[in-house]
Amino acid sequence: MSEIITNNKTECGRAMEALRGVIDPEIGLNIVDLGLVYQIDFDEETNEIFLAMTLTTQFCPMGESIRDSAESVMQDAFPGYRVHIHVIFDPPWTSERISQEGREFLNQ
């Protein structure tokens, strides 16, 4: 799995655990193990979280649902914070980003 960029390792770990609850319904694997999460930054002064993520393709039919689910679990995990999710496609996602656990789940 690729390293997540963050300005707060402790809170990032908490966020990643919450995001494991977001499943890509077409693949059946969570977005963390798929490697869709690129960056999570926390602004403690303004109580905001900035999350950059991607999808397996730009044309993913479940993209909006996945994004909305990610926002929802982050709001639940960090009440009182405003969550900003940016879906980006640069760098593009590749299967190399899938974690070892994800590969085992997918039998790769």
Protein backbone atom coordinates (compact mmCIF):
# COMPACT_ATOMS: atom_id res chain seq x y z
CA MET A 1 0.00 0.00 0.00
CA SER A 2 1.23 3.47 -0.79
CA GLU A 3 2.12 5.87 2.00
CA ILE A 4 -0.55 8.43 2.91
CA ILE A 5 0.59 12.04 3.05
CA THR A 6 -0.50 13.73 6.28
CA ASN A 7 0.42 16.47 8.70
CA ASN A 8 -0.81 14.45 11.71
CA LYS A 9 0.10 10.72 11.84
CA THR A 10 -2.01 10.01 14.94
CA GLU A 11 -5.22 11.52 13.62
CA CYS A 12 -4.52 10.10 10.17
CA GLY A 13 -4.46 6.61 11.69
CA ARG A 14 -7.86 7.26 13.25
CA ALA A 15 -9.18 8.57 9.94
CA MET A 16 -7.88 5.56 8.02
CA GLU A 17 -9.63 3.19 10.43
CA ALA A 18 -12.89 5.05 9.85
CA LEU A 19 -12.36 5.03 6.08
CA ARG A 20 -11.94 1.24 6.12
CA GLY A 21 -15.71 1.23 6.52
CA VAL A 22 -16.16 2.69 3.04
CA ILE A 23 -16.48 -0.14 0.55
CA ASP A 24 -16.20 0.19 -3.22
CA PRO A 25 -19.44 -1.68 -4.04
CA GLU A 26 -18.23 -2.85 -7.44
CA ILE A 27 -15.07 -4.45 -6.03
CA GLY A 28 -16.16 -5.25 -2.48
CA LEU A 29 -12.98 -3.87 -0.93
CA ASN A 30 -12.59 -0.81 1.31
CA ILE A 31 -11.07 2.38 -0.11
CA VAL A 32 -8.06 2.23 2.23
CA ASP A 33 -6.92 -1.21 1.08
CA LEU A 34 -7.71 -0.27 -2.52
CA GLY A 35 -5.26 2.62 -2.14
CA LEU A 36 -7.74 5.31 -3.06
CA VAL A 37 -6.79 7.67 -0.21
CA TYR A 38 -3.80 9.88 -1.06
CA GLN A 39 -3.67 12.59 1.60
CA ILE A 40 -5.36 13.63 4.86
CA ASP A 41 -4.45 16.90 6.53
CA PHE A 42 -5.87 18.39 9.71
CA ASP A 43 -6.21 22.09 10.54
CA GLU A 44 -6.64 22.20 14.30
CA GLU A 45 -7.16 25.98 14.35
CA THR A 46 -10.17 25.93 12.01
CA ASN A 47 -11.34 22.36 12.82
CA GLU A 48 -11.13 21.30 9.20
CA ILE A 49 -9.99 18.09 7.55
CA PHE A 50 -8.78 18.01 3.96
CA LEU A 51 -8.86 14.61 2.29
CA ALA A 52 -7.58 13.92 -1.23
CA MET A 53 -8.68 10.66 -2.77
CA THR A 54 -9.17 9.08 -6.13
CA LEU A 55 -11.34 6.44 -7.77
CA THR A 56 -10.28 3.40 -9.75
CA THR A 57 -11.40 5.22 -12.92
CA GLN A 58 -12.63 8.72 -13.72
CA PHE A 59 -15.85 7.15 -14.97
CA CYS A 60 -16.58 5.08 -11.87
CA PRO A 61 -20.38 4.86 -11.70
CA MET A 62 -20.22 4.63 -7.89
CA GLY A 63 -17.85 7.59 -7.49
CA GLU A 64 -20.34 9.98 -5.94
CA SER A 65 -21.58 7.32 -3.53
CA ILE A 66 -18.02 6.43 -2.47
CA ARG A 67 -17.14 10.11 -1.96
CA ASP A 68 -20.32 10.74 0.06
CA SER A 69 -19.68 7.66 2.22
CA ALA A 70 -16.10 8.83 2.89
CA GLU A 71 -17.40 12.23 3.96
CA SER A 72 -20.02 10.64 6.21
CA VAL A 73 -17.61 8.34 8.06
CA MET A 74 -15.14 11.19 8.51
CA GLN A 75 -17.88 13.41 9.98
CA ASP A 76 -18.84 10.60 12.36
CA ALA A 77 -15.21 9.98 13.38
CA PHE A 78 -14.40 13.67 13.84
CA PRO A 79 -17.51 15.47 15.12
CA GLY A 80 -17.09 19.21 15.16
CA TYR A 81 -14.76 19.17 12.15
CA ARG A 82 -15.65 20.33 8.69
CA VAL A 83 -14.59 17.72 6.12
CA HIS A 84 -13.44 18.69 2.63
CA ILE A 85 -13.02 15.82 0.17
CA HIS A 86 -11.28 16.38 -3.14
CA VAL A 87 -11.46 13.63 -5.73
CA ILE A 88 -8.35 13.85 -7.89
CA PHE A 89 -6.99 11.80 -10.77
CA ASP A 90 -3.37 12.91 -10.74
CA PRO A 91 -1.54 10.76 -9.97
CA PRO A 92 -3.83 8.16 -11.51
CA TRP A 93 -4.74 5.10 -9.47
CA THR A 94 -3.06 1.80 -10.35
CA SER A 95 -3.48 -1.66 -8.86
CA GLU A 96 0.01 -1.29 -7.36
CA ARG A 97 -1.61 0.89 -4.67
CA ILE A 98 -3.63 -2.07 -3.30
CA SER A 99 -2.45 -3.21 0.14
CA GLN A 100 -1.28 -6.76 0.84
CA GLU A 101 -4.54 -7.38 2.72
CA GLY A 102 -6.44 -6.11 -0.29
CA ARG A 103 -4.51 -8.37 -2.64
CA GLU A 104 -5.28 -11.37 -0.43
CA PHE A 105 -8.97 -10.40 -0.40
CA LEU A 106 -8.95 -10.15 -4.20
CA ASN A 107 -6.83 -13.32 -4.51
CA GLN A 108 -4.06 -11.50 -6.38
